[in-house]
């Protein structure tokens, strides 16, 4: 382990809240909770808070979660922000990077270790058909470059999701095409633990079982189901100006033992 981690605060959106890794009713576990388990196993007595709320935009995370996290003076912060901004039309990765830089500097200014994430490569999955949109992929890549540049300047730890083939494969992704499966979250927790030098059992790089053959008709049925079950509700929320996270509180708002 790079340094002794006695307290850990996770910040972000649905990615860090843990969708879609079911746990208790209306509650998800996710990679951050799983990482906390690895940290606690390595050094019992970990204090852990998870401030992430689904649907939150970058500026909301920076303004609502970061100040609260700074007050906690944790040994470790993880933060992933900007994904919900990116899938909206008009997202500007250059402007987003300015907001993110200040938020990351505030966390790093506490003296804690800070872990940030690049975005996944949308070539392998996406919302609104954008996986095949080269301009959208270019925006994500630009934002990733900003994240790496900020991390270099501030001395942050980067988990490069873009370059992890095992997490860009179908078994890692829920049918909503936005969130990881339980096994995807498990693999990611192992990968983050590895970056932190935390001893764990299991290899996040292990190949997936060979998938069964899928016909063209099967793929189109999946597309239709996705459009009805996930894309249409997303569009309706955008038109109404509401978010999936409206009215939701963080699942672990305070530092406490597991």
C-alpha atoms as a PDB file:
ATOM      1  CA  UNK A   1       0.000   0.000   0.000  1.00  0.00           C
ATOM      2  CA  UNK A   2       1.418   3.412  -0.971  1.00  0.00           C
ATOM      3  CA  UNK A   3       0.417   4.967   2.360  1.00  0.00           C
ATOM      4  CA  UNK A   4      -1.665   3.994   5.329  1.00  0.00           C
ATOM      5  CA  UNK A   5      -5.313   4.654   4.483  1.00  0.00           C
ATOM      6  CA  UNK A   6      -7.515   5.013   7.534  1.00  0.00           C
ATOM      7  CA  UNK A   7     -10.315   7.017   5.927  1.00  0.00           C
ATOM      8  CA  UNK A   8     -11.764   7.070   2.415  1.00  0.00           C
ATOM      9  CA  UNK A   9     -14.322   9.378   0.787  1.00  0.00           C
ATOM     10  CA  UNK A  10     -15.794   8.618  -2.658  1.00  0.00           C
ATOM     11  CA  UNK A  11     -17.314  11.427  -4.756  1.00  0.00           C
ATOM     12  CA  UNK A  12     -19.194  11.399  -8.038  1.00  0.00           C
ATOM     13  CA  UNK A  13     -22.354  10.296  -9.803  1.00  0.00           C
ATOM     14  CA  UNK A  14     -24.038   6.949 -10.524  1.00  0.00           C
ATOM     15  CA  UNK A  15     -20.694   5.416 -11.498  1.00  0.00           C
ATOM     16  CA  UNK A  16     -19.469   5.817  -7.916  1.00  0.00           C
ATOM     17  CA  UNK A  17     -22.864   5.354  -6.262  1.00  0.00           C
ATOM     18  CA  UNK A  18     -22.695   1.848  -7.699  1.00  0.00           C
ATOM     19  CA  UNK A  19     -25.381   1.441 -10.363  1.00  0.00           C
ATOM     20  CA  UNK A  20     -26.067  -1.365 -11.392  1.00  0.00           C
ATOM     21  CA  UNK A  21     -24.653  -3.529  -8.627  1.00  0.00           C
ATOM     22  CA  UNK A  22     -27.727  -4.340  -6.480  1.00  0.00           C
ATOM     23  CA  UNK A  23     -27.269  -4.582  -2.735  1.00  0.00           C
ATOM     24  CA  UNK A  24     -30.168  -3.674  -0.459  1.00  0.00           C
ATOM     25  CA  UNK A  25     -33.603  -2.536  -1.751  1.00  0.00           C
ATOM     26  CA  UNK A  26     -33.150   0.725  -3.698  1.00  0.00           C
ATOM     27  CA  UNK A  27     -29.441   0.699  -2.859  1.00  0.00           C
ATOM     28  CA  UNK A  28     -26.397  -0.268  -4.857  1.00  0.00           C
ATOM     29  CA  UNK A  29     -22.987  -1.495  -3.788  1.00  0.00           C
ATOM     30  CA  UNK A  30     -20.534  -0.712  -6.577  1.00  0.00           C
ATOM     31  CA  UNK A  31     -16.796  -0.543  -7.013  1.00  0.00           C
ATOM     32  CA  UNK A  32     -16.257   2.129  -4.331  1.00  0.00           C
ATOM     33  CA  UNK A  33     -17.951   0.060  -1.612  1.00  0.00           C
ATOM     34  CA  UNK A  34     -16.016  -2.974  -2.806  1.00  0.00           C
ATOM     35  CA  UNK A  35     -12.766  -0.987  -2.727  1.00  0.00           C
ATOM     36  CA  UNK A  36     -13.569   0.084   0.829  1.00  0.00           C
ATOM     37  CA  UNK A  37     -13.864  -3.603   1.683  1.00  0.00           C
ATOM     38  CA  UNK A  38     -10.406  -4.284   0.245  1.00  0.00           C
ATOM     39  CA  UNK A  39      -8.942  -1.351   2.170  1.00  0.00           C
ATOM     40  CA  UNK A  40     -10.558  -2.500   5.405  1.00  0.00           C
ATOM     41  CA  UNK A  41      -9.255  -6.026   4.891  1.00  0.00           C
ATOM     42  CA  UNK A  42      -5.728  -4.655   4.459  1.00  0.00           C
ATOM     43  CA  UNK A  43      -6.040  -2.386   7.506  1.00  0.00           C
ATOM     44  CA  UNK A  44      -9.101  -3.045   9.701  1.00  0.00           C
ATOM     45  CA  UNK A  45     -10.974  -0.058  11.080  1.00  0.00           C
ATOM     46  CA  UNK A  46     -11.386   1.953   7.867  1.00  0.00           C
ATOM     47  CA  UNK A  47     -13.776   4.911   7.998  1.00  0.00           C
ATOM     48  CA  UNK A  48     -15.700   5.300   4.737  1.00  0.00           C
ATOM     49  CA  UNK A  49     -18.118   7.834   3.230  1.00  0.00           C
ATOM     50  CA  UNK A  50     -19.723   7.806  -0.215  1.00  0.00           C
ATOM     51  CA  UNK A  51     -21.147  11.172  -1.289  1.00  0.00           C
ATOM     52  CA  UNK A  52     -21.951  10.154  -4.878  1.00  0.00           C
ATOM     53  CA  UNK A  53     -25.477  10.667  -6.216  1.00  0.00           C
ATOM     54  CA  UNK A  54     -26.742   9.447  -9.571  1.00  0.00           C
ATOM     55  CA  UNK A  55     -27.386  12.011 -12.283  1.00  0.00           C
ATOM     56  CA  UNK A  56     -25.144  14.720 -10.849  1.00  0.00           C
ATOM     57  CA  UNK A  57     -23.284  17.028 -13.203  1.00  0.00           C
ATOM     58  CA  UNK A  58     -19.671  18.078 -12.795  1.00  0.00           C
ATOM     59  CA  UNK A  59     -20.437  21.490 -11.317  1.00  0.00           C
ATOM     60  CA  UNK A  60     -22.923  19.988  -8.852  1.00  0.00           C
ATOM     61  CA  UNK A  61     -20.281  17.544  -7.658  1.00  0.00           C
ATOM     62  CA  UNK A  62     -17.720  20.344  -7.384  1.00  0.00           C
ATOM     63  CA  UNK A  63     -20.050  22.649  -5.457  1.00  0.00           C
ATOM     64  CA  UNK A  64     -21.952  20.174  -3.282  1.00  0.00           C
ATOM     65  CA  UNK A  65     -19.686  17.209  -2.647  1.00  0.00           C
ATOM     66  CA  UNK A  66     -16.146  18.573  -2.751  1.00  0.00           C
ATOM     67  CA  UNK A  67     -16.472  21.119   0.099  1.00  0.00           C
ATOM     68  CA  UNK A  68     -18.059  18.497   2.320  1.00  0.00           C
ATOM     69  CA  UNK A  69     -15.355  15.994   1.455  1.00  0.00           C
ATOM     70  CA  UNK A  70     -12.600  18.511   2.193  1.00  0.00           C
ATOM     71  CA  UNK A  71     -14.052  19.045   5.663  1.00  0.00           C
ATOM     72  CA  UNK A  72     -13.701  15.317   6.350  1.00  0.00           C
ATOM     73  CA  UNK A  73      -9.899  15.422   5.915  1.00  0.00           C
ATOM     74  CA  UNK A  74      -9.729  11.855   4.647  1.00  0.00           C
ATOM     75  CA  UNK A  75      -6.565   9.975   3.749  1.00  0.00           C
ATOM     76  CA  UNK A  76      -7.976   8.976   0.348  1.00  0.00           C
ATOM     77  CA  UNK A  77     -10.435  10.561  -2.062  1.00  0.00           C
ATOM     78  CA  UNK A  78     -11.721   9.048  -5.288  1.00  0.00           C
ATOM     79  CA  UNK A  79     -13.659  11.210  -7.705  1.00  0.00           C
ATOM     80  CA  UNK A  80     -15.236  10.681 -11.108  1.00  0.00           C
ATOM     81  CA  UNK A  81     -17.181  13.579 -12.604  1.00  0.00           C
ATOM     82  CA  UNK A  82     -18.261  14.834 -15.999  1.00  0.00           C
ATOM     83  CA  UNK A  83     -19.867  11.748 -17.504  1.00  0.00           C
ATOM     84  CA  UNK A  84     -23.390  13.137 -17.268  1.00  0.00           C
ATOM     85  CA  UNK A  85     -22.244  16.429 -18.768  1.00  0.00           C
ATOM     86  CA  UNK A  86     -20.573  14.661 -21.646  1.00  0.00           C
ATOM     87  CA  UNK A  87     -23.670  12.842 -22.881  1.00  0.00           C
ATOM     88  CA  UNK A  88     -25.595  16.111 -23.110  1.00  0.00           C
ATOM     89  CA  UNK A  89     -25.480  18.148 -26.317  1.00  0.00           C
ATOM     90  CA  UNK A  90     -23.128  21.108 -26.223  1.00  0.00           C
ATOM     91  CA  UNK A  91     -20.703  19.731 -23.650  1.00  0.00           C
ATOM     92  CA  UNK A  92     -17.365  21.556 -23.813  1.00  0.00           C
ATOM     93  CA  UNK A  93     -14.509  19.466 -22.383  1.00  0.00           C
ATOM     94  CA  UNK A  94     -12.234  22.516 -22.196  1.00  0.00           C
ATOM     95  CA  UNK A  95     -14.670  24.431 -19.986  1.00  0.00           C
ATOM     96  CA  UNK A  96     -15.374  21.314 -17.939  1.00  0.00           C
ATOM     97  CA  UNK A  97     -11.667  20.854 -17.291  1.00  0.00           C
ATOM     98  CA  UNK A  98     -11.428  24.268 -15.604  1.00  0.00           C
ATOM     99  CA  UNK A  99     -14.165  23.344 -13.130  1.00  0.00           C
ATOM    100  CA  UNK A 100     -12.652  19.926 -12.536  1.00  0.00           C
ATOM    101  CA  UNK A 101      -9.155  21.335 -12.023  1.00  0.00           C
ATOM    102  CA  UNK A 102     -10.314  23.571  -9.174  1.00  0.00           C
ATOM    103  CA  UNK A 103     -12.262  20.746  -7.530  1.00  0.00           C
ATOM    104  CA  UNK A 104      -9.305  18.385  -7.725  1.00  0.00           C
ATOM    105  CA  UNK A 105      -6.934  21.032  -6.396  1.00  0.00           C
ATOM    106  CA  UNK A 106      -9.188  21.500  -3.364  1.00  0.00           C
ATOM    107  CA  UNK A 107      -9.109  17.785  -2.595  1.00  0.00           C
ATOM    108  CA  UNK A 108      -5.381  17.495  -3.175  1.00  0.00           C
ATOM    109  CA  UNK A 109      -4.805  20.571  -1.015  1.00  0.00           C
ATOM    110  CA  UNK A 110      -5.786  18.547   2.045  1.00  0.00           C
ATOM    111  CA  UNK A 111      -2.648  16.462   1.595  1.00  0.00           C
ATOM    112  CA  UNK A 112      -4.661  13.336   0.817  1.00  0.00           C
ATOM    113  CA  UNK A 113      -4.127  10.864  -1.982  1.00  0.00           C
ATOM    114  CA  UNK A 114      -6.612  11.567  -4.785  1.00  0.00           C
ATOM    115  CA  UNK A 115      -7.659   9.030  -7.413  1.00  0.00           C
ATOM    116  CA  UNK A 116      -9.282  10.211 -10.653  1.00  0.00           C
ATOM    117  CA  UNK A 117     -10.654   8.283 -13.615  1.00  0.00           C
ATOM    118  CA  UNK A 118     -10.563   8.827 -17.339  1.00  0.00           C
ATOM    119  CA  UNK A 119     -13.749   8.180 -19.263  1.00  0.00           C
ATOM    120  CA  UNK A 120     -14.456   4.825 -20.872  1.00  0.00           C
ATOM    121  CA  UNK A 121     -13.936   4.578 -24.616  1.00  0.00           C
ATOM    122  CA  UNK A 122     -17.455   5.161 -26.049  1.00  0.00           C
ATOM    123  CA  UNK A 123     -16.515   3.138 -29.115  1.00  0.00           C
ATOM    124  CA  UNK A 124     -17.644   0.058 -27.205  1.00  0.00           C
ATOM    125  CA  UNK A 125     -20.949   1.294 -25.813  1.00  0.00           C
ATOM    126  CA  UNK A 126     -22.965   4.476 -25.524  1.00  0.00           C
ATOM    127  CA  UNK A 127     -26.144   6.440 -25.052  1.00  0.00           C
ATOM    128  CA  UNK A 128     -28.257   7.913 -27.829  1.00  0.00           C
ATOM    129  CA  UNK A 129     -26.352   5.999 -30.478  1.00  0.00           C
ATOM    130  CA  UNK A 130     -23.271   8.083 -29.821  1.00  0.00           C
ATOM    131  CA  UNK A 131     -20.918   5.129 -29.562  1.00  0.00           C
ATOM    132  CA  UNK A 132     -20.445   5.449 -33.327  1.00  0.00           C
ATOM    133  CA  UNK A 133     -20.243   9.266 -33.252  1.00  0.00           C
ATOM    134  CA  UNK A 134     -16.623  10.222 -33.838  1.00  0.00           C
ATOM    135  CA  UNK A 135     -17.139  13.761 -32.553  1.00  0.00           C
ATOM    136  CA  UNK A 136     -18.507  12.478 -29.243  1.00  0.00           C
ATOM    137  CA  UNK A 137     -15.615  10.060 -28.889  1.00  0.00           C
ATOM    138  CA  UNK A 138     -13.252  12.927 -29.609  1.00  0.00           C
ATOM    139  CA  UNK A 139     -14.799  15.013 -26.832  1.00  0.00           C
ATOM    140  CA  UNK A 140     -14.334  12.197 -24.341  1.00  0.00           C
ATOM    141  CA  UNK A 141     -10.726  11.780 -25.468  1.00  0.00           C
ATOM    142  CA  UNK A 142     -10.106  15.525 -25.077  1.00  0.00           C
ATOM    143  CA  UNK A 143     -11.555  15.498 -21.571  1.00  0.00           C
ATOM    144  CA  UNK A 144      -9.367  12.509 -20.731  1.00  0.00           C
ATOM    145  CA  UNK A 145      -6.273  14.414 -21.851  1.00  0.00           C
ATOM    146  CA  UNK A 146      -7.257  17.304 -19.599  1.00  0.00           C
ATOM    147  CA  UNK A 147      -7.704  14.902 -16.684  1.00  0.00           C
ATOM    148  CA  UNK A 148      -4.263  13.412 -17.239  1.00  0.00           C
ATOM    149  CA  UNK A 149      -2.686  16.859 -17.511  1.00  0.00           C
ATOM    150  CA  UNK A 150      -4.326  18.023 -14.277  1.00  0.00           C
ATOM    151  CA  UNK A 151      -3.312  14.801 -12.553  1.00  0.00           C
ATOM    152  CA  UNK A 152       0.309  15.275 -13.623  1.00  0.00           C
ATOM    153  CA  UNK A 153       0.382  18.824 -12.250  1.00  0.00           C
ATOM    154  CA  UNK A 154      -1.298  17.981  -8.953  1.00  0.00           C
ATOM    155  CA  UNK A 155       0.257  14.573  -8.348  1.00  0.00           C
ATOM    156  CA  UNK A 156      -2.957  12.548  -8.586  1.00  0.00           C
ATOM    157  CA  UNK A 157      -3.365   8.826  -9.220  1.00  0.00           C
ATOM    158  CA  UNK A 158      -5.080   8.066 -12.542  1.00  0.00           C
ATOM    159  CA  UNK A 159      -7.157   4.978 -13.277  1.00  0.00           C
ATOM    160  CA  UNK A 160      -7.300   4.854 -17.070  1.00  0.00           C
ATOM    161  CA  UNK A 161     -10.660   3.297 -17.910  1.00  0.00           C
ATOM    162  CA  UNK A 162     -10.205   4.044 -21.617  1.00  0.00           C
ATOM    163  CA  UNK A 163      -7.309   1.596 -21.875  1.00  0.00           C
ATOM    164  CA  UNK A 164      -8.858  -1.330 -19.949  1.00  0.00           C
ATOM    165  CA  UNK A 165     -10.111  -3.800 -22.589  1.00  0.00           C
ATOM    166  CA  UNK A 166     -11.686  -6.104 -20.001  1.00  0.00           C
ATOM    167  CA  UNK A 167     -13.948  -3.245 -18.872  1.00  0.00           C
ATOM    168  CA  UNK A 168     -14.853  -2.329 -22.433  1.00  0.00           C
ATOM    169  CA  UNK A 169     -16.395  -5.762 -23.052  1.00  0.00           C
ATOM    170  CA  UNK A 170     -20.092  -6.663 -22.976  1.00  0.00           C
ATOM    171  CA  UNK A 171     -19.998  -8.735 -19.737  1.00  0.00           C
ATOM    172  CA  UNK A 172     -18.836  -5.655 -17.826  1.00  0.00           C
ATOM    173  CA  UNK A 173     -21.873  -3.606 -18.848  1.00  0.00           C
ATOM    174  CA  UNK A 174     -25.482  -3.610 -17.713  1.00  0.00           C
ATOM    175  CA  UNK A 175     -28.163  -3.693 -20.385  1.00  0.00           C
ATOM    176  CA  UNK A 176     -28.741   0.053 -19.870  1.00  0.00           C
ATOM    177  CA  UNK A 177     -25.364   0.601 -21.613  1.00  0.00           C
ATOM    178  CA  UNK A 178     -24.400   3.240 -19.060  1.00  0.00           C
ATOM    179  CA  UNK A 179     -23.473   1.339 -15.905  1.00  0.00           C
ATOM    180  CA  UNK A 180     -21.307  -1.587 -14.917  1.00  0.00           C
ATOM    181  CA  UNK A 181     -22.585  -5.020 -13.955  1.00  0.00           C
ATOM    182  CA  UNK A 182     -21.748  -6.436 -10.505  1.00  0.00           C
ATOM    183  CA  UNK A 183     -18.779  -8.276 -12.019  1.00  0.00           C
ATOM    184  CA  UNK A 184     -17.712  -5.092 -13.799  1.00  0.00           C
ATOM    185  CA  UNK A 185     -17.751  -3.217 -10.487  1.00  0.00           C
ATOM    186  CA  UNK A 186     -15.814  -6.051  -8.857  1.00  0.00           C
ATOM    187  CA  UNK A 187     -13.130  -5.937 -11.549  1.00  0.00           C
ATOM    188  CA  UNK A 188     -12.844  -2.164 -11.257  1.00  0.00           C
ATOM    189  CA  UNK A 189     -12.455  -2.318  -7.473  1.00  0.00           C
ATOM    190  CA  UNK A 190      -9.580  -4.754  -7.945  1.00  0.00           C
ATOM    191  CA  UNK A 191      -7.977  -2.455 -10.519  1.00  0.00           C
ATOM    192  CA  UNK A 192      -8.179   0.599  -8.245  1.00  0.00           C
ATOM    193  CA  UNK A 193      -6.801  -1.406  -5.331  1.00  0.00           C
ATOM    194  CA  UNK A 194      -3.883  -2.442  -7.521  1.00  0.00           C
ATOM    195  CA  UNK A 195      -3.125   1.191  -8.394  1.00  0.00           C
ATOM    196  CA  UNK A 196      -3.104   1.991  -4.679  1.00  0.00           C
ATOM    197  CA  UNK A 197      -0.814  -0.912  -3.877  1.00  0.00           C
ATOM    198  CA  UNK A 198      -3.451  -2.680  -1.794  1.00  0.00           C
ATOM    199  CA  UNK A 199      -3.029  -6.476  -1.668  1.00  0.00           C
ATOM    200  CA  UNK A 200      -6.103  -8.252  -3.045  1.00  0.00           C
ATOM    201  CA  UNK A 201      -7.086 -11.674  -4.290  1.00  0.00           C
ATOM    202  CA  UNK A 202      -8.299 -11.902  -7.856  1.00  0.00           C
ATOM    203  CA  UNK A 203      -7.131 -10.656 -11.245  1.00  0.00           C
ATOM    204  CA  UNK A 204      -9.202  -7.895 -12.828  1.00  0.00           C
ATOM    205  CA  UNK A 205      -7.527  -8.633 -16.174  1.00  0.00           C
ATOM    206  CA  UNK A 206      -8.776 -12.230 -16.338  1.00  0.00           C
ATOM    207  CA  UNK A 207     -10.552 -12.876 -19.666  1.00  0.00           C
ATOM    208  CA  UNK A 208     -14.312 -13.209 -19.702  1.00  0.00           C
ATOM    209  CA  UNK A 209     -15.978 -16.499 -20.644  1.00  0.00           C
ATOM    210  CA  UNK A 210     -16.563 -16.746 -24.365  1.00  0.00           C
ATOM    211  CA  UNK A 211     -19.950 -15.195 -25.212  1.00  0.00           C
ATOM    212  CA  UNK A 212     -22.652 -17.166 -26.945  1.00  0.00           C
ATOM    213  CA  UNK A 213     -23.292 -16.346 -30.569  1.00  0.00           C
ATOM    214  CA  UNK A 214     -25.757 -13.499 -31.110  1.00  0.00           C
ATOM    215  CA  UNK A 215     -27.849 -13.216 -34.256  1.00  0.00           C
ATOM    216  CA  UNK A 216     -28.644  -9.959 -36.000  1.00  0.00           C
ATOM    217  CA  UNK A 217     -32.249 -10.368 -34.861  1.00  0.00           C
ATOM    218  CA  UNK A 218     -31.151 -10.807 -31.234  1.00  0.00           C
ATOM    219  CA  UNK A 219     -29.089  -7.638 -31.415  1.00  0.00           C
ATOM    220  CA  UNK A 220     -31.991  -5.629 -32.850  1.00  0.00           C
ATOM    221  CA  UNK A 221     -34.333  -6.920 -30.131  1.00  0.00           C
ATOM    222  CA  UNK A 222     -31.821  -5.776 -27.533  1.00  0.00           C
ATOM    223  CA  UNK A 223     -31.624  -2.362 -29.204  1.00  0.00           C
ATOM    224  CA  UNK A 224     -35.404  -2.022 -29.148  1.00  0.00           C
ATOM    225  CA  UNK A 225     -35.612  -3.051 -25.500  1.00  0.00           C
ATOM    226  CA  UNK A 226     -32.877  -0.562 -24.598  1.00  0.00           C
ATOM    227  CA  UNK A 227     -34.619   2.251 -26.454  1.00  0.00           C
ATOM    228  CA  UNK A 228     -37.916   1.625 -24.686  1.00  0.00           C
ATOM    229  CA  UNK A 229     -36.621   0.815 -21.211  1.00  0.00           C
ATOM    230  CA  UNK A 230     -33.743   3.267 -20.887  1.00  0.00           C
ATOM    231  CA  UNK A 231     -33.308   5.768 -23.704  1.00  0.00           C
ATOM    232  CA  UNK A 232     -36.915   6.996 -23.849  1.00  0.00           C
ATOM    233  CA  UNK A 233     -37.108   7.655 -20.070  1.00  0.00           C
ATOM    234  CA  UNK A 234     -33.774   9.484 -20.263  1.00  0.00           C
ATOM    235  CA  UNK A 235     -35.089  11.744 -23.036  1.00  0.00           C
ATOM    236  CA  UNK A 236     -38.274  12.405 -21.063  1.00  0.00           C
ATOM    237  CA  UNK A 237     -36.263  13.479 -18.018  1.00  0.00           C
ATOM    238  CA  UNK A 238     -34.181  15.827 -20.159  1.00  0.00           C
ATOM    239  CA  UNK A 239     -37.293  17.395 -21.684  1.00  0.00           C
ATOM    240  CA  UNK A 240     -38.800  17.905 -18.231  1.00  0.00           C
ATOM    241  CA  UNK A 241     -35.557  19.268 -16.824  1.00  0.00           C
ATOM    242  CA  UNK A 242     -35.336  16.653 -14.094  1.00  0.00           C
ATOM    243  CA  UNK A 243     -32.583  14.285 -13.020  1.00  0.00           C
ATOM    244  CA  UNK A 244     -32.596  10.723 -11.742  1.00  0.00           C
ATOM    245  CA  UNK A 245     -30.832  12.057  -8.654  1.00  0.00           C
ATOM    246  CA  UNK A 246     -33.313  14.792  -7.758  1.00  0.00           C
ATOM    247  CA  UNK A 247     -34.274  14.475  -4.106  1.00  0.00           C
ATOM    248  CA  UNK A 248     -31.726  11.751  -3.415  1.00  0.00           C
ATOM    249  CA  UNK A 249     -29.210  11.953  -0.598  1.00  0.00           C
ATOM    250  CA  UNK A 250     -25.812  10.230  -0.534  1.00  0.00           C
ATOM    251  CA  UNK A 251     -25.972   6.659   0.704  1.00  0.00           C
ATOM    252  CA  UNK A 252     -23.063   7.154   3.157  1.00  0.00           C
ATOM    253  CA  UNK A 253     -22.932  10.887   3.958  1.00  0.00           C
ATOM    254  CA  UNK A 254     -20.571  10.563   6.921  1.00  0.00           C
ATOM    255  CA  UNK A 255     -17.308   8.804   7.655  1.00  0.00           C
ATOM    256  CA  UNK A 256     -18.098   5.644   9.565  1.00  0.00           C
ATOM    257  CA  UNK A 257     -16.827   2.075   9.873  1.00  0.00           C
ATOM    258  CA  UNK A 258     -17.983  -0.497   7.338  1.00  0.00           C
END
